């Protein structure tokens, strides 16, 4: 996702459908703009200044999305996680919790 998408998510308070509700386009020079805003009944199309004001929040959402993507790669398969949980319950260990804590501490969110 681009930064403008995260600004729109911050503005709306939810993720819109970027194929039907909000259509973005590139002018060909790398500048992405809102071509269509099909949710005016929910909230008016934001101005450039309104979107600019959401830069900090958008950057936070982008960074958290990156952390989530890294976490998804580092967590083991659901089968391996279930095996760890079973063994932890059987043996009184904390292998699963320790694994999750490490993945989270290695990839913190803002």
PDB file of N, CA and C in Angstrom:
ATOM      1  N   UNK A   1       0.841  -1.185   0.000  1.00  0.00           N
ATOM      2  CA  UNK A   1       0.000   0.000   0.000  1.00  0.00           C
ATOM      3  C   UNK A   1       0.878   1.237   0.000  1.00  0.00           C
ATOM      4  N   UNK A   2       0.356   2.290  -0.571  1.00  0.00           N
ATOM      5  CA  UNK A   2       1.081   3.556  -0.596  1.00  0.00           C
ATOM      6  C   UNK A   2       0.678   4.408   0.598  1.00  0.00           C
ATOM      7  N   UNK A   3       1.439   5.464   0.814  1.00  0.00           N
ATOM      8  CA  UNK A   3       1.162   6.348   1.947  1.00  0.00           C
ATOM      9  C   UNK A   3      -0.203   7.017   1.824  1.00  0.00           C
ATOM     10  N   UNK A   4      -0.626   7.343   0.609  1.00  0.00           N
ATOM     11  CA  UNK A   4      -1.949   7.975   0.454  1.00  0.00           C
ATOM     12  C   UNK A   4      -3.057   7.007   0.883  1.00  0.00           C
ATOM     13  N   UNK A   5      -2.849   5.728   0.648  1.00  0.00           N
ATOM     14  CA  UNK A   5      -3.854   4.755   1.081  1.00  0.00           C
ATOM     15  C   UNK A   5      -3.977   4.751   2.599  1.00  0.00           C
ATOM     16  N   UNK A   6      -2.848   4.811   3.298  1.00  0.00           N
ATOM     17  CA  UNK A   6      -2.898   4.839   4.756  1.00  0.00           C
ATOM     18  C   UNK A   6      -3.462   6.155   5.271  1.00  0.00           C
ATOM     19  N   UNK A   7      -3.261   7.253   4.542  1.00  0.00           N
ATOM     20  CA  UNK A   7      -3.881   8.527   4.925  1.00  0.00           C
ATOM     21  C   UNK A   7      -5.400   8.420   4.800  1.00  0.00           C
ATOM     22  N   UNK A   8      -5.862   7.771   3.740  1.00  0.00           N
ATOM     23  CA  UNK A   8      -7.306   7.596   3.532  1.00  0.00           C
ATOM     24  C   UNK A   8      -7.887   6.693   4.616  1.00  0.00           C
ATOM     25  N   UNK A   9      -7.166   5.640   4.968  1.00  0.00           N
ATOM     26  CA  UNK A   9      -7.604   4.744   6.046  1.00  0.00           C
ATOM     27  C   UNK A   9      -7.710   5.523   7.352  1.00  0.00           C
ATOM     28  N   UNK A  10      -6.721   6.369   7.635  1.00  0.00           N
ATOM     29  CA  UNK A  10      -6.755   7.203   8.846  1.00  0.00           C
ATOM     30  C   UNK A  10      -7.935   8.172   8.800  1.00  0.00           C
ATOM     31  N   UNK A  11      -8.172   8.765   7.653  1.00  0.00           N
ATOM     32  CA  UNK A  11      -9.265   9.731   7.490  1.00  0.00           C
ATOM     33  C   UNK A  11     -10.623   9.068   7.719  1.00  0.00           C
ATOM     34  N   UNK A  12     -10.809   7.875   7.134  1.00  0.00           N
ATOM     35  CA  UNK A  12     -12.098   7.191   7.245  1.00  0.00           C
ATOM     36  C   UNK A  12     -12.278   6.432   8.557  1.00  0.00           C
ATOM     37  N   UNK A  13     -11.165   5.989   9.145  1.00  0.00           N
ATOM     38  CA  UNK A  13     -11.252   5.145  10.328  1.00  0.00           C
ATOM     39  C   UNK A  13     -11.511   3.696   9.978  1.00  0.00           C
ATOM     40  N   UNK A  14     -11.334   3.353   8.715  1.00  0.00           N
ATOM     41  CA  UNK A  14     -11.503   1.979   8.241  1.00  0.00           C
ATOM     42  C   UNK A  14     -10.808   1.851   6.884  1.00  0.00           C
ATOM     43  N   UNK A  15     -10.646   0.630   6.425  1.00  0.00           N
ATOM     44  CA  UNK A  15     -10.049   0.400   5.116  1.00  0.00           C
ATOM     45  C   UNK A  15     -11.155   0.310   4.072  1.00  0.00           C
ATOM     46  N   UNK A  16     -11.152   1.237   3.128  1.00  0.00           N
ATOM     47  CA  UNK A  16     -12.177   1.168   2.076  1.00  0.00           C
ATOM     48  C   UNK A  16     -11.784   0.155   1.011  1.00  0.00           C
ATOM     49  N   UNK A  17     -12.721  -0.170   0.170  1.00  0.00           N
ATOM     50  CA  UNK A  17     -12.423  -0.996  -1.001  1.00  0.00           C
ATOM     51  C   UNK A  17     -11.805  -0.056  -2.036  1.00  0.00           C
ATOM     52  N   UNK A  18     -10.521  -0.281  -2.337  1.00  0.00           N
ATOM     53  CA  UNK A  18      -9.817   0.614  -3.248  1.00  0.00           C
ATOM     54  C   UNK A  18     -10.098   0.298  -4.720  1.00  0.00           C
ATOM     55  N   UNK A  19     -11.012  -0.618  -4.967  1.00  0.00           N
ATOM     56  CA  UNK A  19     -11.419  -0.892  -6.345  1.00  0.00           C
ATOM     57  C   UNK A  19     -12.780  -0.276  -6.659  1.00  0.00           C
ATOM     58  N   UNK A  20     -13.623  -0.134  -5.624  1.00  0.00           N
ATOM     59  CA  UNK A  20     -14.968   0.389  -5.869  1.00  0.00           C
ATOM     60  C   UNK A  20     -15.261   1.684  -5.115  1.00  0.00           C
ATOM     61  N   UNK A  21     -14.852   1.778  -3.853  1.00  0.00           N
ATOM     62  CA  UNK A  21     -15.203   2.945  -3.044  1.00  0.00           C
ATOM     63  C   UNK A  21     -14.278   4.143  -3.295  1.00  0.00           C
ATOM     64  N   UNK A  22     -12.988   3.872  -3.352  1.00  0.00           N
ATOM     65  CA  UNK A  22     -11.998   4.932  -3.558  1.00  0.00           C
ATOM     66  C   UNK A  22     -11.020   4.445  -4.616  1.00  0.00           C
ATOM     67  N   UNK A  23     -11.002   5.121  -5.752  1.00  0.00           N
ATOM     68  CA  UNK A  23     -10.084   4.739  -6.833  1.00  0.00           C
ATOM     69  C   UNK A  23      -8.945   5.750  -6.903  1.00  0.00           C
ATOM     70  N   UNK A  24      -7.733   5.225  -6.856  1.00  0.00           N
ATOM     71  CA  UNK A  24      -6.540   6.058  -6.916  1.00  0.00           C
ATOM     72  C   UNK A  24      -5.881   5.916  -8.278  1.00  0.00           C
ATOM     73  N   UNK A  25      -5.223   6.974  -8.713  1.00  0.00           N
ATOM     74  CA  UNK A  25      -4.516   6.944  -9.987  1.00  0.00           C
ATOM     75  C   UNK A  25      -3.182   7.650  -9.846  1.00  0.00           C
ATOM     76  N   UNK A  26      -2.262   7.270 -10.706  1.00  0.00           N
ATOM     77  CA  UNK A  26      -0.940   7.881 -10.790  1.00  0.00           C
ATOM     78  C   UNK A  26      -0.921   8.760 -12.036  1.00  0.00           C
ATOM     79  N   UNK A  27      -0.539   9.991 -11.883  1.00  0.00           N
ATOM     80  CA  UNK A  27      -0.500  10.923 -13.012  1.00  0.00           C
ATOM     81  C   UNK A  27       0.593  10.555 -14.016  1.00  0.00           C
ATOM     82  N   UNK A  28       1.410   9.564 -13.673  1.00  0.00           N
ATOM     83  CA  UNK A  28       2.517   9.180 -14.528  1.00  0.00           C
ATOM     84  C   UNK A  28       3.837   9.751 -14.040  1.00  0.00           C
ATOM     85  N   UNK A  29       3.738  10.636 -13.062  1.00  0.00           N
ATOM     86  CA  UNK A  29       4.942  11.241 -12.505  1.00  0.00           C
ATOM     87  C   UNK A  29       5.197  10.775 -11.074  1.00  0.00           C
ATOM     88  N   UNK A  30       4.491   9.711 -10.684  1.00  0.00           N
ATOM     89  CA  UNK A  30       4.652   9.179  -9.337  1.00  0.00           C
ATOM     90  C   UNK A  30       3.734   9.806  -8.310  1.00  0.00           C
ATOM     91  N   UNK A  31       2.973  10.826  -8.696  1.00  0.00           N
ATOM     92  CA  UNK A  31       2.030  11.484  -7.787  1.00  0.00           C
ATOM     93  C   UNK A  31       0.696  10.755  -7.872  1.00  0.00           C
ATOM     94  N   UNK A  32       0.293  10.173  -6.756  1.00  0.00           N
ATOM     95  CA  UNK A  32      -0.959   9.425  -6.707  1.00  0.00           C
ATOM     96  C   UNK A  32      -2.054  10.349  -6.177  1.00  0.00           C
ATOM     97  N   UNK A  33      -3.203  10.302  -6.806  1.00  0.00           N
ATOM     98  CA  UNK A  33      -4.315  11.158  -6.405  1.00  0.00           C
ATOM     99  C   UNK A  33      -5.607  10.344  -6.390  1.00  0.00           C
ATOM    100  N   UNK A  34      -6.630  10.905  -5.755  1.00  0.00           N
ATOM    101  CA  UNK A  34      -7.941  10.267  -5.689  1.00  0.00           C
ATOM    102  C   UNK A  34      -8.673  10.583  -6.986  1.00  0.00           C
ATOM    103  N   UNK A  35      -8.918   9.552  -7.786  1.00  0.00           N
ATOM    104  CA  UNK A  35      -9.651   9.743  -9.035  1.00  0.00           C
ATOM    105  C   UNK A  35     -11.161   9.704  -8.793  1.00  0.00           C
ATOM    106  N   UNK A  36     -11.583   8.753  -7.965  1.00  0.00           N
ATOM    107  CA  UNK A  36     -13.018   8.630  -7.642  1.00  0.00           C
ATOM    108  C   UNK A  36     -13.188   8.454  -6.143  1.00  0.00           C
ATOM    109  N   UNK A  37     -14.195   9.099  -5.605  1.00  0.00           N
ATOM    110  CA  UNK A  37     -14.560   8.986  -4.184  1.00  0.00           C
ATOM    111  C   UNK A  37     -16.032   8.620  -4.161  1.00  0.00           C
ATOM    112  N   UNK A  38     -16.316   7.333  -4.007  1.00  0.00           N
ATOM    113  CA  UNK A  38     -17.680   6.832  -4.103  1.00  0.00           C
ATOM    114  C   UNK A  38     -18.336   6.573  -2.746  1.00  0.00           C
ATOM    115  N   UNK A  39     -17.888   7.286  -1.724  1.00  0.00           N
ATOM    116  CA  UNK A  39     -18.475   7.111  -0.388  1.00  0.00           C
ATOM    117  C   UNK A  39     -18.789   8.463   0.247  1.00  0.00           C
ATOM    118  N   UNK A  40     -19.243   9.393  -0.564  1.00  0.00           N
ATOM    119  CA  UNK A  40     -19.566  10.747  -0.080  1.00  0.00           C
ATOM    120  C   UNK A  40     -20.659  10.732   0.976  1.00  0.00           C
ATOM    121  N   UNK A  41     -21.537   9.734   0.915  1.00  0.00           N
ATOM    122  CA  UNK A  41     -22.609   9.659   1.913  1.00  0.00           C
ATOM    123  C   UNK A  41     -22.041   9.343   3.296  1.00  0.00           C
ATOM    124  N   UNK A  42     -20.884   8.702   3.334  1.00  0.00           N
ATOM    125  CA  UNK A  42     -20.243   8.361   4.611  1.00  0.00           C
ATOM    126  C   UNK A  42     -19.374   9.516   5.106  1.00  0.00           C
ATOM    127  N   UNK A  43     -18.554  10.033   4.218  1.00  0.00           N
ATOM    128  CA  UNK A  43     -17.639  11.113   4.559  1.00  0.00           C
ATOM    129  C   UNK A  43     -17.220  11.813   3.266  1.00  0.00           C
ATOM    130  N   UNK A  44     -17.134  13.122   3.318  1.00  0.00           N
ATOM    131  CA  UNK A  44     -16.756  13.885   2.121  1.00  0.00           C
ATOM    132  C   UNK A  44     -15.332  13.568   1.693  1.00  0.00           C
ATOM    133  N   UNK A  45     -15.081  13.729   0.415  1.00  0.00           N
ATOM    134  CA  UNK A  45     -13.738  13.509  -0.111  1.00  0.00           C
ATOM    135  C   UNK A  45     -12.773  14.459   0.599  1.00  0.00           C
ATOM    136  N   UNK A  46     -11.652  13.934   1.121  1.00  0.00           N
ATOM    137  CA  UNK A  46     -10.726  14.797   1.858  1.00  0.00           C
ATOM    138  C   UNK A  46      -9.956  15.740   0.934  1.00  0.00           C
ATOM    139  N   UNK A  47      -9.621  16.887   1.470  1.00  0.00           N
ATOM    140  CA  UNK A  47      -8.784  17.832   0.727  1.00  0.00           C
ATOM    141  C   UNK A  47      -7.323  17.404   0.870  1.00  0.00           C
ATOM    142  N   UNK A  48      -6.468  17.981   0.040  1.00  0.00           N
ATOM    143  CA  UNK A  48      -5.040  17.686   0.139  1.00  0.00           C
ATOM    144  C   UNK A  48      -4.496  18.062   1.514  1.00  0.00           C
ATOM    145  N   UNK A  49      -4.965  19.167   2.066  1.00  0.00           N
ATOM    146  CA  UNK A  49      -4.481  19.590   3.386  1.00  0.00           C
ATOM    147  C   UNK A  49      -4.961  18.649   4.488  1.00  0.00           C
ATOM    148  N   UNK A  50      -6.173  18.129   4.344  1.00  0.00           N
ATOM    149  CA  UNK A  50      -6.655  17.149   5.331  1.00  0.00           C
ATOM    150  C   UNK A  50      -5.797  15.886   5.279  1.00  0.00           C
ATOM    151  N   UNK A  51      -5.469  15.446   4.081  1.00  0.00           N
ATOM    152  CA  UNK A  51      -4.622  14.255   3.942  1.00  0.00           C
ATOM    153  C   UNK A  51      -3.209  14.518   4.461  1.00  0.00           C
ATOM    154  N   UNK A  52      -2.681  15.686   4.191  1.00  0.00           N
ATOM    155  CA  UNK A  52      -1.331  16.027   4.666  1.00  0.00           C
ATOM    156  C   UNK A  52      -1.277  16.019   6.185  1.00  0.00           C
ATOM    157  N   UNK A  53      -2.347  16.437   6.828  1.00  0.00           N
ATOM    158  CA  UNK A  53      -2.404  16.472   8.291  1.00  0.00           C
ATOM    159  C   UNK A  53      -2.359  15.072   8.897  1.00  0.00           C
ATOM    160  N   UNK A  54      -2.629  14.057   8.077  1.00  0.00           N
ATOM    161  CA  UNK A  54      -2.651  12.670   8.564  1.00  0.00           C
ATOM    162  C   UNK A  54      -1.335  11.929   8.315  1.00  0.00           C
ATOM    163  N   UNK A  55      -0.299  12.654   7.943  1.00  0.00           N
ATOM    164  CA  UNK A  55       0.999  12.051   7.610  1.00  0.00           C
ATOM    165  C   UNK A  55       1.544  11.178   8.741  1.00  0.00           C
ATOM    166  N   UNK A  56       1.525  11.694   9.961  1.00  0.00           N
ATOM    167  CA  UNK A  56       2.071  10.961  11.102  1.00  0.00           C
ATOM    168  C   UNK A  56       1.303   9.670  11.340  1.00  0.00           C
ATOM    169  N   UNK A  57      -0.011   9.759  11.352  1.00  0.00           N
ATOM    170  CA  UNK A  57      -0.844   8.570  11.567  1.00  0.00           C
ATOM    171  C   UNK A  57      -0.657   7.567  10.434  1.00  0.00           C
ATOM    172  N   UNK A  58      -0.556   8.045   9.195  1.00  0.00           N
ATOM    173  CA  UNK A  58      -0.366   7.162   8.041  1.00  0.00           C
ATOM    174  C   UNK A  58       0.974   6.446   8.119  1.00  0.00           C
ATOM    175  N   UNK A  59       2.004   7.148   8.533  1.00  0.00           N
ATOM    176  CA  UNK A  59       3.332   6.544   8.674  1.00  0.00           C
ATOM    177  C   UNK A  59       3.312   5.463   9.748  1.00  0.00           C
ATOM    178  N   UNK A  60       2.601   5.721  10.829  1.00  0.00           N
ATOM    179  CA  UNK A  60       2.460   4.723  11.902  1.00  0.00           C
ATOM    180  C   UNK A  60       1.762   3.476  11.366  1.00  0.00           C
ATOM    181  N   UNK A  61       0.673   3.648  10.624  1.00  0.00           N
ATOM    182  CA  UNK A  61      -0.048   2.507  10.057  1.00  0.00           C
ATOM    183  C   UNK A  61       0.835   1.730   9.080  1.00  0.00           C
ATOM    184  N   UNK A  62       1.601   2.447   8.271  1.00  0.00           N
ATOM    185  CA  UNK A  62       2.510   1.805   7.315  1.00  0.00           C
ATOM    186  C   UNK A  62       3.571   0.997   8.043  1.00  0.00           C
ATOM    187  N   UNK A  63       4.183   1.578   9.072  1.00  0.00           N
ATOM    188  CA  UNK A  63       5.205   0.870   9.844  1.00  0.00           C
ATOM    189  C   UNK A  63       4.637  -0.364  10.545  1.00  0.00           C
ATOM    190  N   UNK A  64       3.415  -0.242  11.068  1.00  0.00           N
ATOM    191  CA  UNK A  64       2.780  -1.384  11.725  1.00  0.00           C
ATOM    192  C   UNK A  64       2.444  -2.484  10.723  1.00  0.00           C
ATOM    193  N   UNK A  65       2.073  -2.094   9.508  1.00  0.00           N
ATOM    194  CA  UNK A  65       1.803  -3.077   8.460  1.00  0.00           C
ATOM    195  C   UNK A  65       3.078  -3.837   8.105  1.00  0.00           C
ATOM    196  N   UNK A  66       4.194  -3.131   8.046  1.00  0.00           N
ATOM    197  CA  UNK A  66       5.487  -3.775   7.774  1.00  0.00           C
ATOM    198  C   UNK A  66       5.847  -4.746   8.898  1.00  0.00           C
ATOM    199  N   UNK A  67       5.621  -4.332  10.148  1.00  0.00           N
ATOM    200  CA  UNK A  67       5.899  -5.211  11.290  1.00  0.00           C
ATOM    201  C   UNK A  67       5.012  -6.453  11.238  1.00  0.00           C
ATOM    202  N   UNK A  68       3.732  -6.268  10.891  1.00  0.00           N
ATOM    203  CA  UNK A  68       2.818  -7.413  10.767  1.00  0.00           C
ATOM    204  C   UNK A  68       3.292  -8.382   9.692  1.00  0.00           C
ATOM    205  N   UNK A  69       3.746  -7.855   8.569  1.00  0.00           N
ATOM    206  CA  UNK A  69       4.213  -8.711   7.477  1.00  0.00           C
ATOM    207  C   UNK A  69       5.436  -9.519   7.911  1.00  0.00           C
ATOM    208  N   UNK A  70       6.349  -8.875   8.624  1.00  0.00           N
ATOM    209  CA  UNK A  70       7.533  -9.602   9.116  1.00  0.00           C
ATOM    210  C   UNK A  70       7.132 -10.653  10.147  1.00  0.00           C
ATOM    211  N   UNK A  71       6.187 -10.313  11.013  1.00  0.00           N
ATOM    212  CA  UNK A  71       5.720 -11.277  12.019  1.00  0.00           C
ATOM    213  C   UNK A  71       5.109 -12.507  11.345  1.00  0.00           C
ATOM    214  N   UNK A  72       4.298 -12.277  10.306  1.00  0.00           N
ATOM    215  CA  UNK A  72       3.666 -13.408   9.618  1.00  0.00           C
ATOM    216  C   UNK A  72       4.706 -14.364   9.044  1.00  0.00           C
ATOM    217  N   UNK A  73       5.820 -13.819   8.579  1.00  0.00           N
ATOM    218  CA  UNK A  73       6.887 -14.660   8.032  1.00  0.00           C
ATOM    219  C   UNK A  73       7.616 -15.434   9.125  1.00  0.00           C
ATOM    220  N   UNK A  74       7.754 -14.833  10.303  1.00  0.00           N
ATOM    221  CA  UNK A  74       8.544 -15.435  11.372  1.00  0.00           C
ATOM    222  C   UNK A  74       7.771 -16.406  12.257  1.00  0.00           C
ATOM    223  N   UNK A  75       6.457 -16.235  12.334  1.00  0.00           N
ATOM    224  CA  UNK A  75       5.685 -17.209  13.107  1.00  0.00           C
ATOM    225  C   UNK A  75       5.752 -18.554  12.396  1.00  0.00           C
ATOM    226  N   UNK A  76       5.748 -19.606  13.160  1.00  0.00           N
ATOM    227  CA  UNK A  76       5.776 -20.937  12.573  1.00  0.00           C
ATOM    228  C   UNK A  76       4.402 -21.266  11.982  1.00  0.00           C
ATOM    229  N   UNK A  77       4.328 -22.370  11.273  1.00  0.00           N
ATOM    230  CA  UNK A  77       3.046 -22.798  10.706  1.00  0.00           C
ATOM    231  C   UNK A  77       2.055 -23.049  11.842  1.00  0.00           C
ATOM    232  N   UNK A  78       0.787 -23.021  11.515  1.00  0.00           N
ATOM    233  CA  UNK A  78      -0.217 -23.254  12.565  1.00  0.00           C
ATOM    234  C   UNK A  78      -0.067 -24.657  13.145  1.00  0.00           C
ATOM    235  N   UNK A  79       0.387 -25.613  12.312  1.00  0.00           N
ATOM    236  CA  UNK A  79       0.579 -26.972  12.813  1.00  0.00           C
ATOM    237  C   UNK A  79       1.698 -27.003  13.860  1.00  0.00           C
ATOM    238  N   UNK A  80       2.797 -26.310  13.565  1.00  0.00           N
ATOM    239  CA  UNK A  80       3.906 -26.253  14.528  1.00  0.00           C
ATOM    240  C   UNK A  80       3.499 -25.518  15.796  1.00  0.00           C
ATOM    241  N   UNK A  81       2.688 -24.479  15.652  1.00  0.00           N
ATOM    242  CA  UNK A  81       2.230 -23.748  16.829  1.00  0.00           C
ATOM    243  C   UNK A  81       1.327 -24.629  17.700  1.00  0.00           C
ATOM    244  N   UNK A  82       0.451 -25.378  17.059  1.00  0.00           N
ATOM    245  CA  UNK A  82      -0.421 -26.287  17.822  1.00  0.00           C
ATOM    246  C   UNK A  82       0.409 -27.343  18.555  1.00  0.00           C
ATOM    247  N   UNK A  83       1.436 -27.832  17.909  1.00  0.00           N
ATOM    248  CA  UNK A  83       2.328 -28.822  18.529  1.00  0.00           C
ATOM    249  C   UNK A  83       3.028 -28.220  19.749  1.00  0.00           C
ATOM    250  N   UNK A  84       3.488 -26.966  19.623  1.00  0.00           N
ATOM    251  CA  UNK A  84       4.139 -26.299  20.760  1.00  0.00           C
ATOM    252  C   UNK A  84       3.161 -26.126  21.916  1.00  0.00           C
ATOM    253  N   UNK A  85       1.933 -25.724  21.614  1.00  0.00           N
ATOM    254  CA  UNK A  85       0.927 -25.528  22.657  1.00  0.00           C
ATOM    255  C   UNK A  85       0.645 -26.850  23.372  1.00  0.00           C
ATOM    256  N   UNK A  86       0.494 -27.916  22.589  1.00  0.00           N
ATOM    257  CA  UNK A  86       0.234 -29.228  23.188  1.00  0.00           C
ATOM    258  C   UNK A  86       1.377 -29.631  24.118  1.00  0.00           C
ATOM    259  N   UNK A  87       2.611 -29.510  23.615  1.00  0.00           N
ATOM    260  CA  UNK A  87       3.771 -29.905  24.426  1.00  0.00           C
ATOM    261  C   UNK A  87       3.918 -29.020  25.656  1.00  0.00           C
ATOM    262  N   UNK A  88       3.614 -27.728  25.513  1.00  0.00           N
ATOM    263  CA  UNK A  88       3.679 -26.831  26.668  1.00  0.00           C
ATOM    264  C   UNK A  88       2.682 -27.260  27.743  1.00  0.00           C
ATOM    265  N   UNK A  89       1.471 -27.611  27.324  1.00  0.00           N
ATOM    266  CA  UNK A  89       0.465 -28.037  28.297  1.00  0.00           C
ATOM    267  C   UNK A  89       0.858 -29.368  28.940  1.00  0.00           C
ATOM    268  N   UNK A  90       1.410 -30.244  28.146  1.00  0.00           N
ATOM    269  CA  UNK A  90       1.793 -31.561  28.656  1.00  0.00           C
ATOM    270  C   UNK A  90       3.007 -31.484  29.583  1.00  0.00           C
ATOM    271  N   UNK A  91       3.975 -30.622  29.223  1.00  0.00           N
ATOM    272  CA  UNK A  91       5.248 -30.584  29.951  1.00  0.00           C
ATOM    273  C   UNK A  91       5.385 -29.400  30.907  1.00  0.00           C
ATOM    274  N   UNK A  92       4.387 -28.527  30.927  1.00  0.00           N
ATOM    275  CA  UNK A  92       4.470 -27.364  31.812  1.00  0.00           C
ATOM    276  C   UNK A  92       5.515 -26.348  31.358  1.00  0.00           C
ATOM    277  N   UNK A  93       5.773 -26.289  30.059  1.00  0.00           N
ATOM    278  CA  UNK A  93       6.766 -25.358  29.521  1.00  0.00           C
ATOM    279  C   UNK A  93       6.078 -24.141  28.891  1.00  0.00           C
ATOM    280  N   UNK A  94       6.879 -23.200  28.414  1.00  0.00           N
ATOM    281  CA  UNK A  94       6.346 -21.973  27.811  1.00  0.00           C
ATOM    282  C   UNK A  94       6.958 -21.722  26.423  1.00  0.00           C
ATOM    283  N   UNK A  95       7.241 -22.776  25.703  1.00  0.00           N
ATOM    284  CA  UNK A  95       7.890 -22.655  24.394  1.00  0.00           C
ATOM    285  C   UNK A  95       7.072 -21.790  23.441  1.00  0.00           C
ATOM    286  N   UNK A  96       5.768 -22.021  23.374  1.00  0.00           N
ATOM    287  CA  UNK A  96       4.901 -21.262  22.459  1.00  0.00           C
ATOM    288  C   UNK A  96       4.893 -19.785  22.824  1.00  0.00           C
ATOM    289  N   UNK A  97       4.678 -19.486  24.092  1.00  0.00           N
ATOM    290  CA  UNK A  97       4.659 -18.092  24.542  1.00  0.00           C
ATOM    291  C   UNK A  97       5.999 -17.440  24.266  1.00  0.00           C
ATOM    292  N   UNK A  98       7.088 -18.135  24.540  1.00  0.00           N
ATOM    293  CA  UNK A  98       8.429 -17.591  24.312  1.00  0.00           C
ATOM    294  C   UNK A  98       8.651 -17.286  22.829  1.00  0.00           C
ATOM    295  N   UNK A  99       8.182 -18.183  21.970  1.00  0.00           N
ATOM    296  CA  UNK A  99       8.313 -17.976  20.526  1.00  0.00           C
ATOM    297  C   UNK A  99       7.544 -16.722  20.104  1.00  0.00           C
ATOM    298  N   UNK A 100       6.299 -16.610  20.559  1.00  0.00           N
ATOM    299  CA  UNK A 100       5.477 -15.447  20.205  1.00  0.00           C
ATOM    300  C   UNK A 100       6.085 -14.156  20.752  1.00  0.00           C
ATOM    301  N   UNK A 101       6.561 -14.174  21.976  1.00  0.00           N
ATOM    302  CA  UNK A 101       7.177 -12.987  22.574  1.00  0.00           C
ATOM    303  C   UNK A 101       8.404 -12.551  21.779  1.00  0.00           C
ATOM    304  N   UNK A 102       9.213 -13.517  21.312  1.00  0.00           N
ATOM    305  CA  UNK A 102      10.412 -13.182  20.535  1.00  0.00           C
ATOM    306  C   UNK A 102      10.039 -12.566  19.191  1.00  0.00           C
ATOM    307  N   UNK A 103       9.065 -13.147  18.503  1.00  0.00           N
ATOM    308  CA  UNK A 103       8.638 -12.600  17.210  1.00  0.00           C
ATOM    309  C   UNK A 103       8.137 -11.171  17.405  1.00  0.00           C
ATOM    310  N   UNK A 104       7.371 -10.953  18.450  1.00  0.00           N
ATOM    311  CA  UNK A 104       6.828  -9.616  18.710  1.00  0.00           C
ATOM    312  C   UNK A 104       7.913  -8.622  19.114  1.00  0.00           C
ATOM    313  N   UNK A 105       8.851  -9.047  19.951  1.00  0.00           N
ATOM    314  CA  UNK A 105       9.903  -8.113  20.371  1.00  0.00           C
ATOM    315  C   UNK A 105      10.869  -7.820  19.230  1.00  0.00           C
ATOM    316  N   UNK A 106      11.070  -8.774  18.318  1.00  0.00           N
ATOM    317  CA  UNK A 106      11.941  -8.551  17.161  1.00  0.00           C
ATOM    318  C   UNK A 106      11.274  -7.641  16.122  1.00  0.00           C
ATOM    319  N   UNK A 107       9.944  -7.554  16.155  1.00  0.00           N
ATOM    320  CA  UNK A 107       9.179  -6.766  15.190  1.00  0.00           C
ATOM    321  C   UNK A 107       8.136  -5.918  15.909  1.00  0.00           C
ATOM    322  N   UNK A 108       8.584  -4.910  16.653  1.00  0.00           N
ATOM    323  CA  UNK A 108       7.643  -4.115  17.456  1.00  0.00           C
ATOM    324  C   UNK A 108       6.766  -3.215  16.600  1.00  0.00           C
ATOM    325  N   UNK A 109       5.593  -2.954  17.124  1.00  0.00           N
ATOM    326  CA  UNK A 109       4.676  -2.000  16.497  1.00  0.00           C
ATOM    327  C   UNK A 109       4.771  -0.682  17.248  1.00  0.00           C
ATOM    328  N   UNK A 110       4.349   0.370  16.560  1.00  0.00           N
ATOM    329  CA  UNK A 110       4.358   1.701  17.189  1.00  0.00           C
ATOM    330  C   UNK A 110       3.140   1.884  18.067  1.00  0.00           C
TER     331      UNK A 110
END
